[in-house]
Amino acid sequence: NIVIKADLPGVDKKDIHVDLNGRVL
């Protein structure tokens, strides 16, 4: 696996978007 951990304090879960286009996340 490739693992990414991002610190997003104070961000509501519904306001987070994860998109993959080819090899670009």
PDB file of all heavy atoms in Angstrom:
ATOM      1  N   ASN A   1       0.826  -1.214   0.000  1.00  0.00           N
ATOM      2  CA  ASN A   1       0.000   0.000   0.000  1.00  0.00           C
ATOM      3  C   ASN A   1       0.858   1.261   0.000  1.00  0.00           C
ATOM      4  O   ASN A   1       1.979   1.261   0.478  1.00  0.00           O
ATOM      5  CB  ASN A   1      -0.890   0.055   1.251  1.00  0.00           C
ATOM      6  CG  ASN A   1      -1.870  -1.077   1.312  1.00  0.00           C
ATOM      7  OD1 ASN A   1      -2.572  -1.347   0.351  1.00  0.00           O
ATOM      8  ND2 ASN A   1      -1.916  -1.768   2.434  1.00  0.00           N
ATOM      9  N   ILE A   2       0.268   2.330  -0.513  1.00  0.00           N
ATOM     10  CA  ILE A   2       0.786   3.674  -0.312  1.00  0.00           C
ATOM     11  C   ILE A   2      -0.149   4.298   0.711  1.00  0.00           C
ATOM     12  O   ILE A   2      -1.379   4.203   0.583  1.00  0.00           O
ATOM     13  CB  ILE A   2       0.780   4.488  -1.615  1.00  0.00           C
ATOM     14  CG1 ILE A   2       1.689   3.821  -2.651  1.00  0.00           C
ATOM     15  CG2 ILE A   2       1.205   5.922  -1.358  1.00  0.00           C
ATOM     16  CD1 ILE A   2       1.551   4.385  -4.041  1.00  0.00           C
ATOM     17  N   VAL A   3       0.403   4.912   1.746  1.00  0.00           N
ATOM     18  CA  VAL A   3      -0.417   5.464   2.825  1.00  0.00           C
ATOM     19  C   VAL A   3      -0.189   6.975   2.901  1.00  0.00           C
ATOM     20  O   VAL A   3       0.953   7.444   2.859  1.00  0.00           O
ATOM     21  CB  VAL A   3      -0.071   4.797   4.177  1.00  0.00           C
ATOM     22  CG1 VAL A   3      -0.883   5.410   5.300  1.00  0.00           C
ATOM     23  CG2 VAL A   3      -0.302   3.299   4.103  1.00  0.00           C
ATOM     24  N   ILE A   4      -1.280   7.718   3.005  1.00  0.00           N
ATOM     25  CA  ILE A   4      -1.222   9.164   3.180  1.00  0.00           C
ATOM     26  C   ILE A   4      -2.001   9.505   4.440  1.00  0.00           C
ATOM     27  O   ILE A   4      -3.150   9.092   4.597  1.00  0.00           O
ATOM     28  CB  ILE A   4      -1.825   9.911   1.973  1.00  0.00           C
ATOM     29  CG1 ILE A   4      -1.041   9.605   0.709  1.00  0.00           C
ATOM     30  CG2 ILE A   4      -1.875  11.414   2.243  1.00  0.00           C
ATOM     31  CD1 ILE A   4      -1.616  10.200  -0.546  1.00  0.00           C
ATOM     32  N   LYS A   5      -1.354  10.245   5.341  1.00  0.00           N
ATOM     33  CA  LYS A   5      -2.031  10.757   6.533  1.00  0.00           C
ATOM     34  C   LYS A   5      -1.961  12.277   6.474  1.00  0.00           C
ATOM     35  O   LYS A   5      -0.881  12.848   6.326  1.00  0.00           O
ATOM     36  CB  LYS A   5      -1.350  10.267   7.809  1.00  0.00           C
ATOM     37  CG  LYS A   5      -1.552   8.795   8.067  1.00  0.00           C
ATOM     38  CD  LYS A   5      -0.928   8.399   9.386  1.00  0.00           C
ATOM     39  CE  LYS A   5      -1.130   6.923   9.665  1.00  0.00           C
ATOM     40  NZ  LYS A   5      -0.524   6.531  10.933  1.00  0.00           N
ATOM     41  N   ALA A   6      -3.110  12.925   6.570  1.00  0.00           N
ATOM     42  CA  ALA A   6      -3.191  14.379   6.490  1.00  0.00           C
ATOM     43  C   ALA A   6      -3.838  14.933   7.745  1.00  0.00           C
ATOM     44  O   ALA A   6      -4.897  14.458   8.160  1.00  0.00           O
ATOM     45  CB  ALA A   6      -3.993  14.796   5.261  1.00  0.00           C
ATOM     46  N   ASP A   7      -3.208  15.936   8.349  1.00  0.00           N
ATOM     47  CA  ASP A   7      -3.780  16.615   9.518  1.00  0.00           C
ATOM     48  C   ASP A   7      -4.795  17.646   9.042  1.00  0.00           C
ATOM     49  O   ASP A   7      -4.433  18.611   8.361  1.00  0.00           O
ATOM     50  CB  ASP A   7      -2.684  17.303  10.335  1.00  0.00           C
ATOM     51  CG  ASP A   7      -1.838  16.325  11.119  1.00  0.00           C
ATOM     52  OD1 ASP A   7      -2.215  15.144  11.206  1.00  0.00           O
ATOM     53  OD2 ASP A   7      -0.796  16.746  11.657  1.00  0.00           O
ATOM     54  N   LEU A   8      -6.044  17.430   9.396  1.00  0.00           N
ATOM     55  CA  LEU A   8      -7.134  18.324   8.990  1.00  0.00           C
ATOM     56  C   LEU A   8      -7.986  18.719  10.191  1.00  0.00           C
ATOM     57  O   LEU A   8      -9.208  18.517  10.191  1.00  0.00           O
ATOM     58  CB  LEU A   8      -8.011  17.632   7.936  1.00  0.00           C
ATOM     59  CG  LEU A   8      -7.311  17.200   6.648  1.00  0.00           C
ATOM     60  CD1 LEU A   8      -8.259  16.373   5.787  1.00  0.00           C
ATOM     61  CD2 LEU A   8      -6.810  18.406   5.898  1.00  0.00           C
ATOM     62  N   PRO A   9      -7.385  19.290  11.236  1.00  0.00           N
ATOM     63  CA  PRO A   9      -8.189  19.646  12.404  1.00  0.00           C
ATOM     64  C   PRO A   9      -9.215  20.722  12.064  1.00  0.00           C
ATOM     65  O   PRO A   9      -8.932  21.652  11.325  1.00  0.00           O
ATOM     66  CB  PRO A   9      -7.150  20.170  13.395  1.00  0.00           C
ATOM     67  CG  PRO A   9      -6.025  20.652  12.547  1.00  0.00           C
ATOM     68  CD  PRO A   9      -6.000  19.731  11.358  1.00  0.00           C
ATOM     69  N   GLY A  10     -10.398  20.540  12.585  1.00  0.00           N
ATOM     70  CA  GLY A  10     -11.448  21.526  12.378  1.00  0.00           C
ATOM     71  C   GLY A  10     -12.157  21.429  11.044  1.00  0.00           C
ATOM     72  O   GLY A  10     -13.013  22.246  10.741  1.00  0.00           O
ATOM     73  N   VAL A  11     -11.816  20.429  10.234  1.00  0.00           N
ATOM     74  CA  VAL A  11     -12.480  20.250   8.937  1.00  0.00           C
ATOM     75  C   VAL A  11     -13.582  19.211   9.113  1.00  0.00           C
ATOM     76  O   VAL A  11     -13.355  18.135   9.658  1.00  0.00           O
ATOM     77  CB  VAL A  11     -11.478  19.795   7.854  1.00  0.00           C
ATOM     78  CG1 VAL A  11     -12.193  19.559   6.530  1.00  0.00           C
ATOM     79  CG2 VAL A  11     -10.368  20.817   7.683  1.00  0.00           C
ATOM     80  N   ASP A  12     -14.774  19.554   8.671  1.00  0.00           N
ATOM     81  CA  ASP A  12     -15.902  18.631   8.747  1.00  0.00           C
ATOM     82  C   ASP A  12     -15.720  17.530   7.696  1.00  0.00           C
ATOM     83  O   ASP A  12     -15.271  17.786   6.576  1.00  0.00           O
ATOM     84  CB  ASP A  12     -17.211  19.385   8.499  1.00  0.00           C
ATOM     85  CG  ASP A  12     -18.424  18.604   8.955  1.00  0.00           C
ATOM     86  OD1 ASP A  12     -18.311  17.375   9.150  1.00  0.00           O
ATOM     87  OD2 ASP A  12     -19.482  19.227   9.121  1.00  0.00           O
ATOM     88  N   LYS A  13     -16.054  16.317   8.053  1.00  0.00           N
ATOM     89  CA  LYS A  13     -15.877  15.157   7.170  1.00  0.00           C
ATOM     90  C   LYS A  13     -16.565  15.345   5.820  1.00  0.00           C
ATOM     91  O   LYS A  13     -16.032  14.962   4.788  1.00  0.00           O
ATOM     92  CB  LYS A  13     -16.410  13.912   7.877  1.00  0.00           C
ATOM     93  CG  LYS A  13     -16.156  12.619   7.162  1.00  0.00           C
ATOM     94  CD  LYS A  13     -16.317  11.459   8.114  1.00  0.00           C
ATOM     95  CE  LYS A  13     -17.451  10.582   7.781  1.00  0.00           C
ATOM     96  NZ  LYS A  13     -17.529   9.391   8.634  1.00  0.00           N
ATOM     97  N   LYS A  14     -17.701  15.985   5.814  1.00  0.00           N
ATOM     98  CA  LYS A  14     -18.439  16.189   4.565  1.00  0.00           C
ATOM     99  C   LYS A  14     -17.739  17.187   3.637  1.00  0.00           C
ATOM    100  O   LYS A  14     -18.037  17.252   2.446  1.00  0.00           O
ATOM    101  CB  LYS A  14     -19.867  16.647   4.843  1.00  0.00           C
ATOM    102  CG  LYS A  14     -19.977  18.021   5.466  1.00  0.00           C
ATOM    103  CD  LYS A  14     -21.422  18.420   5.653  1.00  0.00           C
ATOM    104  CE  LYS A  14     -21.564  19.742   6.345  1.00  0.00           C
ATOM    105  NZ  LYS A  14     -20.814  20.843   5.805  1.00  0.00           N
ATOM    106  N   ASP A  15     -16.771  17.942   4.151  1.00  0.00           N
ATOM    107  CA  ASP A  15     -16.052  18.935   3.354  1.00  0.00           C
ATOM    108  C   ASP A  15     -14.730  18.412   2.810  1.00  0.00           C
ATOM    109  O   ASP A  15     -13.936  19.183   2.269  1.00  0.00           O
ATOM    110  CB  ASP A  15     -15.798  20.197   4.187  1.00  0.00           C
ATOM    111  CG  ASP A  15     -17.081  20.910   4.548  1.00  0.00           C
ATOM    112  OD1 ASP A  15     -18.047  20.825   3.768  1.00  0.00           O
ATOM    113  OD2 ASP A  15     -17.133  21.544   5.615  1.00  0.00           O
ATOM    114  N   ILE A  16     -14.454  17.115   2.960  1.00  0.00           N
ATOM    115  CA  ILE A  16     -13.204  16.515   2.487  1.00  0.00           C
ATOM    116  C   ILE A  16     -13.485  15.693   1.237  1.00  0.00           C
ATOM    117  O   ILE A  16     -14.432  14.907   1.206  1.00  0.00           O
ATOM    118  CB  ILE A  16     -12.580  15.612   3.577  1.00  0.00           C
ATOM    119  CG1 ILE A  16     -12.270  16.414   4.832  1.00  0.00           C
ATOM    120  CG2 ILE A  16     -11.315  14.938   3.053  1.00  0.00           C
ATOM    121  CD1 ILE A  16     -11.854  15.552   6.013  1.00  0.00           C
ATOM    122  N   HIS A  17     -12.651  15.871   0.203  1.00  0.00           N
ATOM    123  CA  HIS A  17     -12.811  15.144  -1.057  1.00  0.00           C
ATOM    124  C   HIS A  17     -11.486  14.472  -1.416  1.00  0.00           C
ATOM    125  O   HIS A  17     -10.430  15.090  -1.345  1.00  0.00           O
ATOM    126  CB  HIS A  17     -13.230  16.087  -2.180  1.00  0.00           C
ATOM    127  CG  HIS A  17     -14.430  16.904  -1.838  1.00  0.00           C
ATOM    128  ND1 HIS A  17     -15.699  16.383  -1.850  1.00  0.00           N
ATOM    129  CD2 HIS A  17     -14.547  18.185  -1.430  1.00  0.00           C
ATOM    130  CE1 HIS A  17     -16.558  17.324  -1.488  1.00  0.00           C
ATOM    131  NE2 HIS A  17     -15.878  18.422  -1.212  1.00  0.00           N
ATOM    132  N   VAL A  18     -11.564  13.195  -1.802  1.00  0.00           N
ATOM    133  CA  VAL A  18     -10.405  12.433  -2.250  1.00  0.00           C
ATOM    134  C   VAL A  18     -10.711  11.961  -3.660  1.00  0.00           C
ATOM    135  O   VAL A  18     -11.698  11.262  -3.877  1.00  0.00           O
ATOM    136  CB  VAL A  18     -10.125  11.221  -1.325  1.00  0.00           C
ATOM    137  CG1 VAL A  18      -8.911  10.445  -1.810  1.00  0.00           C
ATOM    138  CG2 VAL A  18      -9.937  11.676   0.120  1.00  0.00           C
ATOM    139  N   ASP A  19      -9.867  12.372  -4.633  1.00  0.00           N
ATOM    140  CA  ASP A  19     -10.094  12.023  -6.035  1.00  0.00           C
ATOM    141  C   ASP A  19      -8.832  11.404  -6.616  1.00  0.00           C
ATOM    142  O   ASP A  19      -7.716  11.801  -6.272  1.00  0.00           O
ATOM    143  CB  ASP A  19     -10.457  13.274  -6.854  1.00  0.00           C
ATOM    144  CG  ASP A  19     -11.708  13.951  -6.343  1.00  0.00           C
ATOM    145  OD1 ASP A  19     -12.743  13.272  -6.270  1.00  0.00           O
ATOM    146  OD2 ASP A  19     -11.641  15.142  -5.990  1.00  0.00           O
ATOM    147  N   LEU A  20      -9.023  10.450  -7.526  1.00  0.00           N
ATOM    148  CA  LEU A  20      -7.915   9.810  -8.226  1.00  0.00           C
ATOM    149  C   LEU A  20      -8.139   9.958  -9.720  1.00  0.00           C
ATOM    150  O   LEU A  20      -9.210   9.626 -10.239  1.00  0.00           O
ATOM    151  CB  LEU A  20      -7.820   8.330  -7.851  1.00  0.00           C
ATOM    152  CG  LEU A  20      -6.693   7.545  -8.526  1.00  0.00           C
ATOM    153  CD1 LEU A  20      -5.342   8.014  -7.998  1.00  0.00           C
ATOM    154  CD2 LEU A  20      -6.868   6.066  -8.292  1.00  0.00           C
ATOM    155  N   ASN A  21      -7.112  10.473 -10.417  1.00  0.00           N
ATOM    156  CA  ASN A  21      -7.168  10.613 -11.864  1.00  0.00           C
ATOM    157  C   ASN A  21      -5.853  10.072 -12.414  1.00  0.00           C
ATOM    158  O   ASN A  21      -4.830  10.742 -12.333  1.00  0.00           O
ATOM    159  CB  ASN A  21      -7.375  12.071 -12.257  1.00  0.00           C
ATOM    160  CG  ASN A  21      -7.581  12.236 -13.747  1.00  0.00           C
ATOM    161  OD1 ASN A  21      -7.643  11.261 -14.487  1.00  0.00           O
ATOM    162  ND2 ASN A  21      -7.680  13.480 -14.186  1.00  0.00           N
ATOM    163  N   GLY A  22      -5.879   8.852 -12.915  1.00  0.00           N
ATOM    164  CA  GLY A  22      -4.646   8.201 -13.355  1.00  0.00           C
ATOM    165  C   GLY A  22      -3.765   7.907 -12.150  1.00  0.00           C
ATOM    166  O   GLY A  22      -4.156   7.187 -11.247  1.00  0.00           O
ATOM    167  N   ARG A  23      -2.571   8.497 -12.138  1.00  0.00           N
ATOM    168  CA  ARG A  23      -1.649   8.335 -11.005  1.00  0.00           C
ATOM    169  C   ARG A  23      -1.617   9.572 -10.102  1.00  0.00           C
ATOM    170  O   ARG A  23      -0.721   9.718  -9.289  1.00  0.00           O
ATOM    171  CB  ARG A  23      -0.243   8.061 -11.509  1.00  0.00           C
ATOM    172  CG  ARG A  23      -0.049   6.664 -12.018  1.00  0.00           C
ATOM    173  CD  ARG A  23       1.402   6.442 -12.285  1.00  0.00           C
ATOM    174  NE  ARG A  23       1.647   5.054 -12.648  1.00  0.00           N
ATOM    175  CZ  ARG A  23       2.835   4.566 -12.878  1.00  0.00           C
ATOM    176  NH1 ARG A  23       3.887   5.347 -12.779  1.00  0.00           N
ATOM    177  NH2 ARG A  23       2.990   3.315 -13.198  1.00  0.00           N
ATOM    178  N   VAL A  24      -2.571  10.463 -10.258  1.00  0.00           N
ATOM    179  CA  VAL A  24      -2.605  11.687  -9.450  1.00  0.00           C
ATOM    180  C   VAL A  24      -3.752  11.601  -8.443  1.00  0.00           C
ATOM    181  O   VAL A  24      -4.923  11.515  -8.830  1.00  0.00           O
ATOM    182  CB  VAL A  24      -2.765  12.939 -10.334  1.00  0.00           C
ATOM    183  CG1 VAL A  24      -2.839  14.196  -9.483  1.00  0.00           C
ATOM    184  CG2 VAL A  24      -1.615  13.036 -11.327  1.00  0.00           C
ATOM    185  N   LEU A  25      -3.397  11.621  -7.163  1.00  0.00           N
ATOM    186  CA  LEU A  25      -4.387  11.621  -6.090  1.00  0.00           C
ATOM    187  C   LEU A  25      -4.517  13.048  -5.579  1.00  0.00           C
ATOM    188  O   LEU A  25      -3.505  13.716  -5.327  1.00  0.00           O
ATOM    189  CB  LEU A  25      -3.953  10.701  -4.945  1.00  0.00           C
ATOM    190  CG  LEU A  25      -4.987  10.599  -3.825  1.00  0.00           C
ATOM    191  CD1 LEU A  25      -5.994   9.511  -4.164  1.00  0.00           C
ATOM    192  CD2 LEU A  25      -4.322  10.304  -2.507  1.00  0.00           C
TER     193      LEU A  25
END
